[in-house]
Amino acid sequence: TTTLSGPDDVGVRVAVHRSVDPGQPNGVVLSATTSVWLPIPPEIVFGF
């Protein structure tokens, strides 16, 4: 679900799931993500 629009119109995407896996904390987990473009080569961004 897009909850916030950014200047590049991707916005912040939010998803919720209930975790019961042994490798994750038990309970309600909120995942949030966004994608942006930077005028910088990938090697420099990764190094930073």
All heavy atoms as atom14 arrays in JSON, in Angstrom:
{
  "sequence": "TTTLSGPDDVGVRVAVHRSVDPGQPNGVVLSATTSVWLPIPPEIVFGF",
  "atom14_mask": [
    [1, 1, 1, 1, 1, 1, 1, 0, 0, 0, 0, 0, 0, 0],
    [1, 1, 1, 1, 1, 1, 1, 0, 0, 0, 0, 0, 0, 0],
    [1, 1, 1, 1, 1, 1, 1, 0, 0, 0, 0, 0, 0, 0],
    [1, 1, 1, 1, 1, 1, 1, 1, 0, 0, 0, 0, 0, 0],
    [1, 1, 1, 1, 1, 1, 0, 0, 0, 0, 0, 0, 0, 0],
    [1, 1, 1, 1, 0, 0, 0, 0, 0, 0, 0, 0, 0, 0],
    [1, 1, 1, 1, 1, 1, 1, 0, 0, 0, 0, 0, 0, 0],
    [1, 1, 1, 1, 1, 1, 1, 1, 0, 0, 0, 0, 0, 0],
    [1, 1, 1, 1, 1, 1, 1, 1, 0, 0, 0, 0, 0, 0],
    [1, 1, 1, 1, 1, 1, 1, 0, 0, 0, 0, 0, 0, 0],
    [1, 1, 1, 1, 0, 0, 0, 0, 0, 0, 0, 0, 0, 0],
    [1, 1, 1, 1, 1, 1, 1, 0, 0, 0, 0, 0, 0, 0],
    [1, 1, 1, 1, 1, 1, 1, 1, 1, 1, 1, 0, 0, 0],
    [1, 1, 1, 1, 1, 1, 1, 0, 0, 0, 0, 0, 0, 0],
    [1, 1, 1, 1, 1, 0, 0, 0, 0, 0, 0, 0, 0, 0],
    [1, 1, 1, 1, 1, 1, 1, 0, 0, 0, 0, 0, 0, 0],
    [1, 1, 1, 1, 1, 1, 1, 1, 1, 1, 0, 0, 0, 0],
    [1, 1, 1, 1, 1, 1, 1, 1, 1, 1, 1, 0, 0, 0],
    [1, 1, 1, 1, 1, 1, 0, 0, 0, 0, 0, 0, 0, 0],
    [1, 1, 1, 1, 1, 1, 1, 0, 0, 0, 0, 0, 0, 0],
    [1, 1, 1, 1, 1, 1, 1, 1, 0, 0, 0, 0, 0, 0],
    [1, 1, 1, 1, 1, 1, 1, 0, 0, 0, 0, 0, 0, 0],
    [1, 1, 1, 1, 0, 0, 0, 0, 0, 0, 0, 0, 0, 0],
    [1, 1, 1, 1, 1, 1, 1, 1, 1, 0, 0, 0, 0, 0],
    [1, 1, 1, 1, 1, 1, 1, 0, 0, 0, 0, 0, 0, 0],
    [1, 1, 1, 1, 1, 1, 1, 1, 0, 0, 0, 0, 0, 0],
    [1, 1, 1, 1, 0, 0, 0, 0, 0, 0, 0, 0, 0, 0],
    [1, 1, 1, 1, 1, 1, 1, 0, 0, 0, 0, 0, 0, 0],
    [1, 1, 1, 1, 1, 1, 1, 0, 0, 0, 0, 0, 0, 0],
    [1, 1, 1, 1, 1, 1, 1, 1, 0, 0, 0, 0, 0, 0],
    [1, 1, 1, 1, 1, 1, 0, 0, 0, 0, 0, 0, 0, 0],
    [1, 1, 1, 1, 1, 0, 0, 0, 0, 0, 0, 0, 0, 0],
    [1, 1, 1, 1, 1, 1, 1, 0, 0, 0, 0, 0, 0, 0],
    [1, 1, 1, 1, 1, 1, 1, 0, 0, 0, 0, 0, 0, 0],
    [1, 1, 1, 1, 1, 1, 0, 0, 0, 0, 0, 0, 0, 0],
    [1, 1, 1, 1, 1, 1, 1, 0, 0, 0, 0, 0, 0, 0],
    [1, 1, 1, 1, 1, 1, 1, 1, 1, 1, 1, 1, 1, 1],
    [1, 1, 1, 1, 1, 1, 1, 1, 0, 0, 0, 0, 0, 0],
    [1, 1, 1, 1, 1, 1, 1, 0, 0, 0, 0, 0, 0, 0],
    [1, 1, 1, 1, 1, 1, 1, 1, 0, 0, 0, 0, 0, 0],
    [1, 1, 1, 1, 1, 1, 1, 0, 0, 0, 0, 0, 0, 0],
    [1, 1, 1, 1, 1, 1, 1, 0, 0, 0, 0, 0, 0, 0],
    [1, 1, 1, 1, 1, 1, 1, 1, 1, 0, 0, 0, 0, 0],
    [1, 1, 1, 1, 1, 1, 1, 1, 0, 0, 0, 0, 0, 0],
    [1, 1, 1, 1, 1, 1, 1, 0, 0, 0, 0, 0, 0, 0],
    [1, 1, 1, 1, 1, 1, 1, 1, 1, 1, 1, 0, 0, 0],
    [1, 1, 1, 1, 0, 0, 0, 0, 0, 0, 0, 0, 0, 0],
    [1, 1, 1, 1, 1, 1, 1, 1, 1, 1, 1, 0, 0, 0]
  ],
  "atom14_positions": [
    [[0.86, -1.18, 0.0], [0.0, 0.0, 0.0], [0.89, 1.23, 0.0], [1.81, 1.34, 0.81], [-0.9, 0.03, 1.25], [-1.7, -1.16, 1.27], [-1.8, 1.25, 1.23], [0.0, 0.0, 0.0], [0.0, 0.0, 0.0], [0.0, 0.0, 0.0], [0.0, 0.0, 0.0], [0.0, 0.0, 0.0], [0.0, 0.0, 0.0], [0.0, 0.0, 0.0]],
    [[0.65, 2.14, -0.94], [1.43, 3.36, -1.0], [0.89, 4.34, 0.03], [-0.28, 4.74, -0.02], [1.36, 3.99, -2.4], [1.8, 3.02, -3.35], [2.25, 5.21, -2.48], [0.0, 0.0, 0.0], [0.0, 0.0, 0.0], [0.0, 0.0, 0.0], [0.0, 0.0, 0.0], [0.0, 0.0, 0.0], [0.0, 0.0, 0.0], [0.0, 0.0, 0.0]],
    [[1.74, 4.74, 0.96], [1.28, 5.62, 2.05], [1.79, 7.04, 1.93], [1.27, 7.94, 2.56], [1.73, 5.07, 3.41], [3.16, 5.06, 3.46], [1.23, 3.65, 3.61], [0.0, 0.0, 0.0], [0.0, 0.0, 0.0], [0.0, 0.0, 0.0], [0.0, 0.0, 0.0], [0.0, 0.0, 0.0], [0.0, 0.0, 0.0], [0.0, 0.0, 0.0]],
    [[2.83, 7.23, 1.11], [3.4, 8.57, 1.03], [4.03, 8.74, -0.34], [4.87, 7.95, -0.75], [4.47, 8.78, 2.11], [5.14, 10.15, 2.18], [4.12, 11.21, 2.57], [6.3, 10.15, 3.16], [0.0, 0.0, 0.0], [0.0, 0.0, 0.0], [0.0, 0.0, 0.0], [0.0, 0.0, 0.0], [0.0, 0.0, 0.0], [0.0, 0.0, 0.0]],
    [[3.61, 9.77, -1.08], [4.17, 10.01, -2.4], [5.41, 10.88, -2.29], [5.41, 11.89, -1.6], [3.14, 10.69, -3.31], [2.04, 9.84, -3.52], [0.0, 0.0, 0.0], [0.0, 0.0, 0.0], [0.0, 0.0, 0.0], [0.0, 0.0, 0.0], [0.0, 0.0, 0.0], [0.0, 0.0, 0.0], [0.0, 0.0, 0.0], [0.0, 0.0, 0.0]],
    [[6.45, 10.45, -3.0], [7.69, 11.22, -3.02], [7.81, 12.01, -4.29], [6.95, 11.96, -5.17], [0.0, 0.0, 0.0], [0.0, 0.0, 0.0], [0.0, 0.0, 0.0], [0.0, 0.0, 0.0], [0.0, 0.0, 0.0], [0.0, 0.0, 0.0], [0.0, 0.0, 0.0], [0.0, 0.0, 0.0], [0.0, 0.0, 0.0], [0.0, 0.0, 0.0]],
    [[8.91, 12.74, -4.46], [9.09, 13.55, -5.67], [9.2, 12.72, -6.93], [8.9, 13.23, -8.02], [10.41, 14.3, -5.39], [11.11, 13.48, -4.34], [10.03, 12.88, -3.51], [0.0, 0.0, 0.0], [0.0, 0.0, 0.0], [0.0, 0.0, 0.0], [0.0, 0.0, 0.0], [0.0, 0.0, 0.0], [0.0, 0.0, 0.0], [0.0, 0.0, 0.0]],
    [[9.61, 11.46, -6.81], [9.7, 10.62, -8.01], [8.46, 9.75, -8.17], [8.43, 8.86, -9.02], [10.94, 9.71, -7.95], [11.05, 9.0, -6.6], [10.03, 8.94, -5.89], [12.14, 8.52, -6.26], [0.0, 0.0, 0.0], [0.0, 0.0, 0.0], [0.0, 0.0, 0.0], [0.0, 0.0, 0.0], [0.0, 0.0, 0.0], [0.0, 0.0, 0.0]],
    [[7.43, 9.97, -7.35], [6.14, 9.3, -7.44], [6.19, 7.81, -7.12], [5.24, 7.1, -7.4], [5.51, 9.5, -8.83], [5.17, 10.95, -9.09], [4.81, 11.66, -8.14], [5.31, 11.37, -10.25], [0.0, 0.0, 0.0], [0.0, 0.0, 0.0], [0.0, 0.0, 0.0], [0.0, 0.0, 0.0], [0.0, 0.0, 0.0], [0.0, 0.0, 0.0]],
    [[7.28, 7.33, -6.57], [7.3, 5.94, -6.13], [6.57, 5.82, -4.81], [5.74, 4.94, -4.61], [8.76, 5.41, -6.01], [8.78, 4.06, -5.33], [9.39, 5.33, -7.38], [0.0, 0.0, 0.0], [0.0, 0.0, 0.0], [0.0, 0.0, 0.0], [0.0, 0.0, 0.0], [0.0, 0.0, 0.0], [0.0, 0.0, 0.0], [0.0, 0.0, 0.0]],
    [[6.87, 6.7, -3.9], [6.22, 6.68, -2.61], [6.76, 5.58, -1.72], [7.56, 4.75, -2.11], [0.0, 0.0, 0.0], [0.0, 0.0, 0.0], [0.0, 0.0, 0.0], [0.0, 0.0, 0.0], [0.0, 0.0, 0.0], [0.0, 0.0, 0.0], [0.0, 0.0, 0.0], [0.0, 0.0, 0.0], [0.0, 0.0, 0.0], [0.0, 0.0, 0.0]],
    [[6.32, 5.58, -0.49], [6.69, 4.54, 0.47], [5.64, 3.46, 0.42], [4.45, 3.72, 0.61], [6.82, 5.13, 1.9], [7.11, 4.01, 2.9], [7.89, 6.19, 1.95], [0.0, 0.0, 0.0], [0.0, 0.0, 0.0], [0.0, 0.0, 0.0], [0.0, 0.0, 0.0], [0.0, 0.0, 0.0], [0.0, 0.0, 0.0], [0.0, 0.0, 0.0]],
    [[6.06, 2.23, 0.16], [5.14, 1.09, 0.1], [5.21, 0.35, 1.43], [6.29, 0.09, 1.96], [5.52, 0.15, -1.04], [5.71, 0.84, -2.4], [4.4, 1.36, -2.95], [4.58, 2.1, -4.2], [4.34, 1.59, -5.4], [3.95, 0.34, -5.51], [4.51, 2.32, -6.49], [0.0, 0.0, 0.0], [0.0, 0.0, 0.0], [0.0, 0.0, 0.0]],
    [[4.05, 0.0, 1.96], [3.97, -0.64, 3.27], [3.2, -1.95, 3.13], [2.18, -2.02, 2.43], [3.28, 0.28, 4.3], [3.06, -0.45, 5.62], [4.11, 1.53, 4.53], [0.0, 0.0, 0.0], [0.0, 0.0, 0.0], [0.0, 0.0, 0.0], [0.0, 0.0, 0.0], [0.0, 0.0, 0.0], [0.0, 0.0, 0.0], [0.0, 0.0, 0.0]],
    [[3.7, -3.0, 3.78], [3.01, -4.28, 3.84], [3.13, -4.83, 5.26], [4.13, -4.58, 5.95], [3.58, -5.27, 2.83], [0.0, 0.0, 0.0], [0.0, 0.0, 0.0], [0.0, 0.0, 0.0], [0.0, 0.0, 0.0], [0.0, 0.0, 0.0], [0.0, 0.0, 0.0], [0.0, 0.0, 0.0], [0.0, 0.0, 0.0], [0.0, 0.0, 0.0]],
    [[2.13, -5.57, 5.7], [2.11, -6.12, 7.06], [1.88, -7.62, 6.96], [1.08, -8.1, 6.15], [0.98, -5.48, 7.9], [0.97, -6.05, 9.3], [1.15, -3.97, 7.95], [0.0, 0.0, 0.0], [0.0, 0.0, 0.0], [0.0, 0.0, 0.0], [0.0, 0.0, 0.0], [0.0, 0.0, 0.0], [0.0, 0.0, 0.0], [0.0, 0.0, 0.0]],
    [[2.62, -8.38, 7.76], [2.36, -9.82, 7.86], [2.61, -10.28, 9.29], [3.36, -9.67, 10.04], [3.24, -10.61, 6.88], [4.69, -10.62, 7.24], [5.55, -9.58, 6.94], [5.45, -11.56, 7.88], [6.77, -9.87, 7.37], [6.73, -11.07, 7.95], [0.0, 0.0, 0.0], [0.0, 0.0, 0.0], [0.0, 0.0, 0.0], [0.0, 0.0, 0.0]],
    [[1.96, -11.37, 9.64], [2.12, -11.96, 10.96], [3.19, -13.05, 10.87], [3.04, -14.02, 10.14], [0.8, -12.53, 11.48], [-0.17, -11.43, 11.89], [-1.53, -11.98, 12.29], [-2.35, -10.92, 12.88], [-3.04, -10.05, 12.18], [-2.99, -10.07, 10.87], [-3.76, -9.11, 12.78], [0.0, 0.0, 0.0], [0.0, 0.0, 0.0], [0.0, 0.0, 0.0]],
    [[4.24, -12.87, 11.62], [5.39, -13.76, 11.54], [5.31, -14.85, 12.6], [5.12, -14.57, 13.78], [6.69, -12.97, 11.72], [7.79, -13.83, 11.82], [0.0, 0.0, 0.0], [0.0, 0.0, 0.0], [0.0, 0.0, 0.0], [0.0, 0.0, 0.0], [0.0, 0.0, 0.0], [0.0, 0.0, 0.0], [0.0, 0.0, 0.0], [0.0, 0.0, 0.0]],
    [[5.45, -16.1, 12.14], [5.51, -17.25, 13.06], [6.72, -18.11, 12.76], [6.9, -19.16, 13.38], [4.22, -18.1, 12.97], [3.03, -17.32, 13.46], [3.98, -18.58, 11.54], [0.0, 0.0, 0.0], [0.0, 0.0, 0.0], [0.0, 0.0, 0.0], [0.0, 0.0, 0.0], [0.0, 0.0, 0.0], [0.0, 0.0, 0.0], [0.0, 0.0, 0.0]],
    [[7.56, -17.69, 11.79], [8.74, -18.47, 11.44], [9.75, -18.45, 12.57], [9.9, -17.44, 13.27], [9.39, -17.91, 10.17], [8.47, -18.03, 8.97], [7.6, -18.91, 9.01], [8.62, -17.25, 8.02], [0.0, 0.0, 0.0], [0.0, 0.0, 0.0], [0.0, 0.0, 0.0], [0.0, 0.0, 0.0], [0.0, 0.0, 0.0], [0.0, 0.0, 0.0]],
    [[10.49, -19.56, 12.75], [11.49, -19.58, 13.84], [12.62, -18.59, 13.63], [13.28, -18.19, 14.58], [12.01, -21.03, 13.82], [11.68, -21.53, 12.45], [10.41, -20.85, 12.05], [0.0, 0.0, 0.0], [0.0, 0.0, 0.0], [0.0, 0.0, 0.0], [0.0, 0.0, 0.0], [0.0, 0.0, 0.0], [0.0, 0.0, 0.0], [0.0, 0.0, 0.0]],
    [[12.86, -18.18, 12.39], [13.95, -17.26, 12.12], [13.55, -15.8, 12.15], [14.35, -14.93, 11.79], [0.0, 0.0, 0.0], [0.0, 0.0, 0.0], [0.0, 0.0, 0.0], [0.0, 0.0, 0.0], [0.0, 0.0, 0.0], [0.0, 0.0, 0.0], [0.0, 0.0, 0.0], [0.0, 0.0, 0.0], [0.0, 0.0, 0.0], [0.0, 0.0, 0.0]],
    [[12.31, -15.5, 12.56], [11.84, -14.11, 12.67], [11.16, -13.91, 14.02], [10.63, -14.86, 14.6], [10.85, -13.78, 11.54], [11.48, -13.41, 10.22], [10.44, -12.83, 9.28], [9.4, -13.42, 9.02], [10.73, -11.65, 8.77], [0.0, 0.0, 0.0], [0.0, 0.0, 0.0], [0.0, 0.0, 0.0], [0.0, 0.0, 0.0], [0.0, 0.0, 0.0]],
    [[11.16, -12.68, 14.52], [10.45, -12.42, 15.78], [8.96, -12.7, 15.62], [8.37, -12.37, 14.58], [10.72, -10.93, 16.04], [11.9, -10.59, 15.2], [11.85, -11.48, 14.01], [0.0, 0.0, 0.0], [0.0, 0.0, 0.0], [0.0, 0.0, 0.0], [0.0, 0.0, 0.0], [0.0, 0.0, 0.0], [0.0, 0.0, 0.0], [0.0, 0.0, 0.0]],
    [[8.35, -13.34, 16.61], [6.92, -13.61, 16.56], [6.13, -12.32, 16.76], [6.47, -11.5, 17.6], [6.53, -14.62, 17.65], [7.03, -16.02, 17.33], [7.19, -16.36, 16.17], [7.27, -16.81, 18.35], [0.0, 0.0, 0.0], [0.0, 0.0, 0.0], [0.0, 0.0, 0.0], [0.0, 0.0, 0.0], [0.0, 0.0, 0.0], [0.0, 0.0, 0.0]],
    [[5.08, -12.17, 15.97], [4.23, -11.0, 16.11], [3.93, -10.37, 14.76], [4.06, -10.99, 13.7], [0.0, 0.0, 0.0], [0.0, 0.0, 0.0], [0.0, 0.0, 0.0], [0.0, 0.0, 0.0], [0.0, 0.0, 0.0], [0.0, 0.0, 0.0], [0.0, 0.0, 0.0], [0.0, 0.0, 0.0], [0.0, 0.0, 0.0], [0.0, 0.0, 0.0]],
    [[3.5, -9.13, 14.78], [3.15, -8.39, 13.58], [4.37, -7.61, 13.09], [4.94, -6.81, 13.84], [1.98, -7.42, 13.86], [1.66, -6.61, 12.62], [0.76, -8.2, 14.31], [0.0, 0.0, 0.0], [0.0, 0.0, 0.0], [0.0, 0.0, 0.0], [0.0, 0.0, 0.0], [0.0, 0.0, 0.0], [0.0, 0.0, 0.0], [0.0, 0.0, 0.0]],
    [[4.79, -7.88, 11.85], [5.96, -7.24, 11.26], [5.52, -6.29, 10.16], [4.71, -6.65, 9.29], [6.94, -8.3, 10.69], [8.1, -7.62, 9.97], [7.47, -9.18, 11.81], [0.0, 0.0, 0.0], [0.0, 0.0, 0.0], [0.0, 0.0, 0.0], [0.0, 0.0, 0.0], [0.0, 0.0, 0.0], [0.0, 0.0, 0.0], [0.0, 0.0, 0.0]],
    [[6.03, -5.09, 10.21], [5.74, -4.07, 9.2], [6.94, -3.93, 8.27], [8.06, -3.67, 8.72], [5.44, -2.73, 9.88], [5.25, -1.51, 8.97], [4.03, -1.69, 8.08], [5.12, -0.24, 9.8], [0.0, 0.0, 0.0], [0.0, 0.0, 0.0], [0.0, 0.0, 0.0], [0.0, 0.0, 0.0], [0.0, 0.0, 0.0], [0.0, 0.0, 0.0]],
    [[6.71, -4.16, 6.97], [7.75, -3.96, 5.96], [7.45, -2.68, 5.19], [6.32, -2.47, 4.76], [7.79, -5.15, 4.98], [8.05, -6.36, 5.66], [0.0, 0.0, 0.0], [0.0, 0.0, 0.0], [0.0, 0.0, 0.0], [0.0, 0.0, 0.0], [0.0, 0.0, 0.0], [0.0, 0.0, 0.0], [0.0, 0.0, 0.0], [0.0, 0.0, 0.0]],
    [[8.45, -1.86, 5.02], [8.29, -0.6, 4.3], [9.46, -0.42, 3.37], [10.61, -0.7, 3.74], [8.19, 0.58, 5.27], [0.0, 0.0, 0.0], [0.0, 0.0, 0.0], [0.0, 0.0, 0.0], [0.0, 0.0, 0.0], [0.0, 0.0, 0.0], [0.0, 0.0, 0.0], [0.0, 0.0, 0.0], [0.0, 0.0, 0.0], [0.0, 0.0, 0.0]],
    [[9.2, 0.05, 2.16], [10.26, 0.19, 1.18], [9.93, 1.28, 0.18], [8.75, 1.63, -0.03], [10.49, -1.14, 0.43], [11.51, -0.99, -0.54], [9.22, -1.6, -0.26], [0.0, 0.0, 0.0], [0.0, 0.0, 0.0], [0.0, 0.0, 0.0], [0.0, 0.0, 0.0], [0.0, 0.0, 0.0], [0.0, 0.0, 0.0], [0.0, 0.0, 0.0]],
    [[10.96, 1.83, -0.43], [10.8, 2.79, -1.51], [12.01, 2.69, -2.42], [13.07, 2.18, -2.01], [10.66, 4.23, -0.98], [10.3, 5.1, -2.04], [11.97, 4.73, -0.37], [0.0, 0.0, 0.0], [0.0, 0.0, 0.0], [0.0, 0.0, 0.0], [0.0, 0.0, 0.0], [0.0, 0.0, 0.0], [0.0, 0.0, 0.0], [0.0, 0.0, 0.0]],
    [[11.87, 3.15, -3.65], [12.97, 3.16, -4.61], [13.2, 4.58, -5.08], [12.25, 5.33, -5.35], [12.65, 2.26, -5.82], [12.56, 0.9, -5.43], [0.0, 0.0, 0.0], [0.0, 0.0, 0.0], [0.0, 0.0, 0.0], [0.0, 0.0, 0.0], [0.0, 0.0, 0.0], [0.0, 0.0, 0.0], [0.0, 0.0, 0.0], [0.0, 0.0, 0.0]],
    [[14.48, 4.96, -5.19], [14.83, 6.31, -5.63], [15.94, 6.22, -6.67], [16.68, 5.23, -6.73], [15.3, 7.19, -4.45], [14.19, 7.38, -3.45], [16.53, 6.58, -3.77], [0.0, 0.0, 0.0], [0.0, 0.0, 0.0], [0.0, 0.0, 0.0], [0.0, 0.0, 0.0], [0.0, 0.0, 0.0], [0.0, 0.0, 0.0], [0.0, 0.0, 0.0]],
    [[16.04, 7.26, -7.47], [17.12, 7.37, -8.44], [18.13, 8.4, -7.94], [17.75, 9.49, -7.49], [16.59, 7.8, -9.8], [17.68, 8.08, -10.8], [18.42, 7.18, -11.49], [18.15, 9.38, -11.2], [19.33, 7.81, -12.3], [19.19, 9.17, -12.14], [17.81, 10.69, -10.85], [19.87, 10.22, -12.74], [18.5, 11.73, -11.45], [19.51, 11.5, -12.39]],
    [[19.41, 8.04, -8.0], [20.48, 8.94, -7.61], [21.43, 9.14, -8.78], [21.81, 8.17, -9.44], [21.28, 8.37, -6.42], [20.5, 8.08, -5.13], [21.43, 7.45, -4.1], [19.87, 9.34, -4.59], [0.0, 0.0, 0.0], [0.0, 0.0, 0.0], [0.0, 0.0, 0.0], [0.0, 0.0, 0.0], [0.0, 0.0, 0.0], [0.0, 0.0, 0.0]],
    [[21.83, 10.39, -9.07], [22.75, 10.65, -10.2], [24.2, 10.33, -9.84], [25.11, 11.11, -10.14], [22.54, 12.14, -10.46], [22.2, 12.71, -9.13], [21.41, 11.64, -8.41], [0.0, 0.0, 0.0], [0.0, 0.0, 0.0], [0.0, 0.0, 0.0], [0.0, 0.0, 0.0], [0.0, 0.0, 0.0], [0.0, 0.0, 0.0], [0.0, 0.0, 0.0]],
    [[24.41, 9.2, -9.2], [25.72, 8.78, -8.71], [25.97, 7.36, -9.2], [25.05, 6.52, -9.15], [25.79, 8.82, -7.16], [25.37, 10.19, -6.63], [27.17, 8.44, -6.66], [26.35, 11.3, -6.98], [0.0, 0.0, 0.0], [0.0, 0.0, 0.0], [0.0, 0.0, 0.0], [0.0, 0.0, 0.0], [0.0, 0.0, 0.0], [0.0, 0.0, 0.0]],
    [[27.17, 7.0, -9.67], [27.45, 5.63, -10.1], [27.21, 4.63, -8.96], [27.43, 4.94, -7.78], [28.93, 5.67, -10.51], [29.18, 7.11, -10.85], [28.31, 7.91, -9.93], [0.0, 0.0, 0.0], [0.0, 0.0, 0.0], [0.0, 0.0, 0.0], [0.0, 0.0, 0.0], [0.0, 0.0, 0.0], [0.0, 0.0, 0.0], [0.0, 0.0, 0.0]],
    [[26.77, 3.42, -9.29], [26.46, 2.42, -8.25], [27.64, 2.1, -7.35], [27.46, 1.84, -6.15], [26.02, 1.19, -9.05], [25.6, 1.72, -10.38], [26.45, 2.92, -10.64], [0.0, 0.0, 0.0], [0.0, 0.0, 0.0], [0.0, 0.0, 0.0], [0.0, 0.0, 0.0], [0.0, 0.0, 0.0], [0.0, 0.0, 0.0], [0.0, 0.0, 0.0]],
    [[28.87, 2.11, -7.89], [30.05, 1.77, -7.07], [30.23, 2.76, -5.92], [30.58, 2.37, -4.8], [31.31, 1.74, -7.94], [31.3, 0.67, -9.02], [30.51, 1.09, -10.24], [30.09, 2.28, -10.31], [30.27, 0.24, -11.12], [0.0, 0.0, 0.0], [0.0, 0.0, 0.0], [0.0, 0.0, 0.0], [0.0, 0.0, 0.0], [0.0, 0.0, 0.0]],
    [[29.98, 4.04, -6.21], [30.14, 5.06, -5.16], [29.05, 4.92, -4.1], [29.31, 5.03, -2.9], [30.14, 6.47, -5.79], [31.34, 6.63, -6.73], [30.14, 7.54, -4.72], [31.4, 7.96, -7.44], [0.0, 0.0, 0.0], [0.0, 0.0, 0.0], [0.0, 0.0, 0.0], [0.0, 0.0, 0.0], [0.0, 0.0, 0.0], [0.0, 0.0, 0.0]],
    [[27.8, 4.67, -4.55], [26.7, 4.51, -3.6], [26.94, 3.3, -2.71], [26.77, 3.36, -1.48], [25.36, 4.36, -4.36], [24.22, 4.13, -3.36], [25.08, 5.6, -5.2], [0.0, 0.0, 0.0], [0.0, 0.0, 0.0], [0.0, 0.0, 0.0], [0.0, 0.0, 0.0], [0.0, 0.0, 0.0], [0.0, 0.0, 0.0], [0.0, 0.0, 0.0]],
    [[27.38, 2.19, -3.31], [27.64, 0.98, -2.52], [28.77, 1.21, -1.51], [28.66, 0.82, -0.35], [28.0, -0.18, -3.46], [28.48, -1.41, -2.74], [27.6, -2.19, -2.01], [29.81, -1.79, -2.8], [28.04, -3.33, -1.35], [30.26, -2.92, -2.14], [29.37, -3.7, -1.41], [0.0, 0.0, 0.0], [0.0, 0.0, 0.0], [0.0, 0.0, 0.0]],
    [[29.85, 1.86, -1.94], [30.96, 2.13, -1.04], [30.54, 3.01, 0.13], [30.97, 2.8, 1.27], [0.0, 0.0, 0.0], [0.0, 0.0, 0.0], [0.0, 0.0, 0.0], [0.0, 0.0, 0.0], [0.0, 0.0, 0.0], [0.0, 0.0, 0.0], [0.0, 0.0, 0.0], [0.0, 0.0, 0.0], [0.0, 0.0, 0.0], [0.0, 0.0, 0.0]],
    [[29.68, 3.98, -0.13], [29.21, 4.88, 0.93], [28.35, 4.14, 1.94], [28.52, 4.29, 3.16], [28.44, 6.04, 0.3], [27.72, 6.91, 1.29], [28.41, 7.82, 2.08], [26.35, 6.81, 1.45], [27.74, 8.62, 3.0], [25.67, 7.59, 2.36], [26.37, 8.5, 3.15], [0.0, 0.0, 0.0], [0.0, 0.0, 0.0], [0.0, 0.0, 0.0]]
  ]
}
